[in-house]
Amino acid sequence: MRIVIDGGLCCGSGECIKACPEKAITLVDGKAVVDEERCDLDGLCIPACPKGAVGYDEGGNLGGCGF
């Protein structure tokens, strides 16, 4: 399982970045990208996204930004 960000929905607000205590999310070209090595999968970033672009991927690739 991993956290992914849908680049088509991401508005670059940075709310997910603020919610991540591990600092595992950065903006790249105006879109949020998850650093899987730093991410602890706590999911605090998921409800923080105003566009619903952040979520869990429990298997296949959802086409998230930066993957």
N, C-alpha and C. Protein backbone atom coordinates (compact mmCIF):
# COMPACT_ATOMS: atom_id res chain seq x y z
N MET A 1 0.85 -1.18 0.00
CA MET A 1 0.00 0.00 0.00
C MET A 1 0.90 1.24 0.00
N ARG A 2 0.41 2.27 -0.66
CA ARG A 2 1.12 3.54 -0.68
C ARG A 2 0.12 4.68 -0.86
N ILE A 3 0.58 5.89 -0.62
CA ILE A 3 -0.24 7.07 -0.84
C ILE A 3 0.14 7.65 -2.19
N VAL A 4 -0.88 7.96 -2.98
CA VAL A 4 -0.65 8.52 -4.31
C VAL A 4 -1.43 9.83 -4.45
N ILE A 5 -0.98 10.63 -5.38
CA ILE A 5 -1.62 11.91 -5.66
C ILE A 5 -2.00 11.94 -7.13
N ASP A 6 -3.26 12.18 -7.40
CA ASP A 6 -3.76 12.26 -8.76
C ASP A 6 -3.37 13.63 -9.32
N GLY A 7 -2.43 13.63 -10.25
CA GLY A 7 -1.94 14.87 -10.83
C GLY A 7 -3.00 15.66 -11.56
N GLY A 8 -4.04 14.98 -12.04
CA GLY A 8 -5.12 15.66 -12.73
C GLY A 8 -6.02 16.44 -11.79
N LEU A 9 -6.08 16.00 -10.55
CA LEU A 9 -6.91 16.68 -9.55
C LEU A 9 -6.12 17.67 -8.68
N CYS A 10 -4.82 17.44 -8.55
CA CYS A 10 -3.99 18.26 -7.67
C CYS A 10 -3.99 19.71 -8.14
N CYS A 11 -4.31 20.62 -7.21
CA CYS A 11 -4.34 22.05 -7.53
C CYS A 11 -3.09 22.78 -7.03
N GLY A 12 -2.22 22.05 -6.34
CA GLY A 12 -0.99 22.67 -5.85
C GLY A 12 -1.17 23.59 -4.67
N SER A 13 -2.25 23.40 -3.91
CA SER A 13 -2.52 24.28 -2.77
C SER A 13 -1.50 24.14 -1.64
N GLY A 14 -0.89 22.97 -1.54
CA GLY A 14 0.08 22.73 -0.48
C GLY A 14 -0.51 22.30 0.84
N GLU A 15 -1.82 22.12 0.91
CA GLU A 15 -2.44 21.71 2.17
C GLU A 15 -1.96 20.33 2.61
N CYS A 16 -1.74 19.43 1.67
CA CYS A 16 -1.23 18.09 2.01
C CYS A 16 0.19 18.18 2.57
N ILE A 17 0.96 19.12 2.04
CA ILE A 17 2.33 19.31 2.52
C ILE A 17 2.32 19.78 3.97
N LYS A 18 1.43 20.72 4.28
CA LYS A 18 1.31 21.22 5.65
C LYS A 18 0.87 20.13 6.62
N ALA A 19 0.03 19.20 6.15
CA ALA A 19 -0.51 18.16 7.02
C ALA A 19 0.46 17.01 7.26
N CYS A 20 1.52 16.91 6.48
CA CYS A 20 2.44 15.78 6.57
C CYS A 20 3.56 16.03 7.57
N PRO A 21 3.53 15.36 8.74
CA PRO A 21 4.58 15.59 9.73
C PRO A 21 5.94 15.02 9.31
N GLU A 22 5.94 14.08 8.37
CA GLU A 22 7.19 13.47 7.91
C GLU A 22 7.86 14.28 6.81
N LYS A 23 7.18 15.34 6.33
CA LYS A 23 7.67 16.16 5.22
C LYS A 23 7.97 15.29 4.00
N ALA A 24 7.04 14.37 3.72
CA ALA A 24 7.19 13.42 2.62
C ALA A 24 6.54 13.89 1.33
N ILE A 25 5.98 15.10 1.32
CA ILE A 25 5.32 15.61 0.13
C ILE A 25 5.96 16.94 -0.25
N THR A 26 6.24 17.09 -1.53
CA THR A 26 6.80 18.33 -2.05
C THR A 26 6.03 18.72 -3.31
N LEU A 27 6.18 19.97 -3.71
CA LEU A 27 5.60 20.42 -4.97
C LEU A 27 6.67 20.34 -6.07
N VAL A 28 6.30 19.73 -7.17
CA VAL A 28 7.16 19.65 -8.35
C VAL A 28 6.34 20.14 -9.52
N ASP A 29 6.77 21.21 -10.14
CA ASP A 29 6.04 21.82 -11.25
C ASP A 29 4.59 22.10 -10.89
N GLY A 30 4.37 22.55 -9.65
CA GLY A 30 3.04 22.94 -9.21
C GLY A 30 2.12 21.81 -8.79
N LYS A 31 2.65 20.57 -8.72
CA LYS A 31 1.85 19.41 -8.32
C LYS A 31 2.54 18.71 -7.16
N ALA A 32 1.74 18.17 -6.24
CA ALA A 32 2.29 17.47 -5.09
C ALA A 32 2.81 16.09 -5.49
N VAL A 33 3.95 15.72 -4.91
CA VAL A 33 4.58 14.43 -5.16
C VAL A 33 4.98 13.83 -3.81
N VAL A 34 4.71 12.53 -3.64
CA VAL A 34 5.03 11.82 -2.39
C VAL A 34 6.41 11.18 -2.49
N ASP A 35 7.22 11.37 -1.46
CA ASP A 35 8.49 10.66 -1.33
C ASP A 35 8.18 9.39 -0.53
N GLU A 36 8.09 8.28 -1.21
CA GLU A 36 7.67 7.03 -0.58
C GLU A 36 8.62 6.57 0.52
N GLU A 37 9.88 6.95 0.45
CA GLU A 37 10.84 6.56 1.49
C GLU A 37 10.58 7.28 2.80
N ARG A 38 10.05 8.48 2.75
CA ARG A 38 9.76 9.25 3.96
C ARG A 38 8.35 9.03 4.49
N CYS A 39 7.44 8.64 3.61
CA CYS A 39 6.02 8.49 3.96
C CYS A 39 5.81 7.33 4.93
N ASP A 40 5.07 7.59 6.02
CA ASP A 40 4.77 6.52 6.98
C ASP A 40 3.34 5.99 6.82
N LEU A 41 2.64 6.43 5.78
CA LEU A 41 1.29 5.96 5.45
C LEU A 41 0.23 6.29 6.50
N ASP A 42 0.46 7.32 7.32
CA ASP A 42 -0.53 7.67 8.34
C ASP A 42 -1.80 8.27 7.75
N GLY A 43 -1.72 8.79 6.53
CA GLY A 43 -2.91 9.29 5.85
C GLY A 43 -3.38 10.67 6.27
N LEU A 44 -2.60 11.39 7.04
CA LEU A 44 -3.02 12.73 7.48
C LEU A 44 -3.18 13.68 6.31
N CYS A 45 -2.50 13.42 5.22
CA CYS A 45 -2.57 14.27 4.04
C CYS A 45 -3.87 14.07 3.25
N ILE A 46 -4.50 12.93 3.39
CA ILE A 46 -5.68 12.61 2.58
C ILE A 46 -6.83 13.59 2.82
N PRO A 47 -7.28 13.78 4.05
CA PRO A 47 -8.39 14.72 4.24
C PRO A 47 -7.98 16.19 4.08
N ALA A 48 -6.68 16.46 4.09
CA ALA A 48 -6.20 17.84 3.97
C ALA A 48 -6.35 18.38 2.56
N CYS A 49 -6.42 17.51 1.57
CA CYS A 49 -6.48 17.96 0.18
C CYS A 49 -7.87 18.49 -0.15
N PRO A 50 -7.96 19.76 -0.56
CA PRO A 50 -9.27 20.34 -0.88
C PRO A 50 -9.90 19.78 -2.15
N LYS A 51 -9.12 19.13 -2.99
CA LYS A 51 -9.62 18.59 -4.25
C LYS A 51 -9.79 17.08 -4.24
N GLY A 52 -9.46 16.41 -3.12
CA GLY A 52 -9.59 14.96 -3.05
C GLY A 52 -8.60 14.22 -3.94
N ALA A 53 -7.44 14.83 -4.17
CA ALA A 53 -6.44 14.25 -5.06
C ALA A 53 -5.54 13.23 -4.39
N VAL A 54 -5.58 13.15 -3.06
CA VAL A 54 -4.69 12.27 -2.31
C VAL A 54 -5.46 11.07 -1.80
N GLY A 55 -4.87 9.89 -1.95
CA GLY A 55 -5.54 8.69 -1.46
C GLY A 55 -4.59 7.52 -1.39
N TYR A 56 -5.12 6.41 -0.87
CA TYR A 56 -4.33 5.18 -0.79
C TYR A 56 -4.44 4.40 -2.08
N ASP A 57 -3.33 3.81 -2.50
CA ASP A 57 -3.29 2.87 -3.61
C ASP A 57 -2.89 1.54 -2.98
N GLU A 58 -3.81 0.61 -2.94
CA GLU A 58 -3.55 -0.65 -2.26
C GLU A 58 -3.04 -1.75 -3.18
N GLY A 59 -2.71 -1.39 -4.40
CA GLY A 59 -2.21 -2.42 -5.30
C GLY A 59 -1.62 -1.84 -6.54
N GLY A 60 -2.45 -1.60 -7.53
CA GLY A 60 -1.98 -1.11 -8.82
C GLY A 60 -1.69 0.37 -8.80
N ASN A 61 -1.07 0.84 -9.85
CA ASN A 61 -0.76 2.24 -10.00
C ASN A 61 -1.99 3.01 -10.42
N LEU A 62 -2.35 4.04 -9.67
CA LEU A 62 -3.50 4.86 -9.99
C LEU A 62 -3.15 6.01 -10.91
N GLY A 63 -1.91 6.03 -11.39
CA GLY A 63 -1.51 7.12 -12.27
C GLY A 63 -1.22 8.40 -11.53
N GLY A 64 -0.80 8.30 -10.29
CA GLY A 64 -0.54 9.47 -9.48
C GLY A 64 0.60 10.32 -10.00
N CYS A 65 0.63 11.51 -9.58
CA CYS A 65 1.65 12.48 -10.00
C CYS A 65 3.05 12.00 -9.60
N GLY A 66 3.94 11.96 -10.54
CA GLY A 66 5.32 11.66 -10.23
C GLY A 66 5.66 10.19 -10.15
N PHE A 67 4.77 9.31 -10.61
CA PHE A 67 5.06 7.88 -10.50
C PHE A 67 5.19 7.25 -11.86
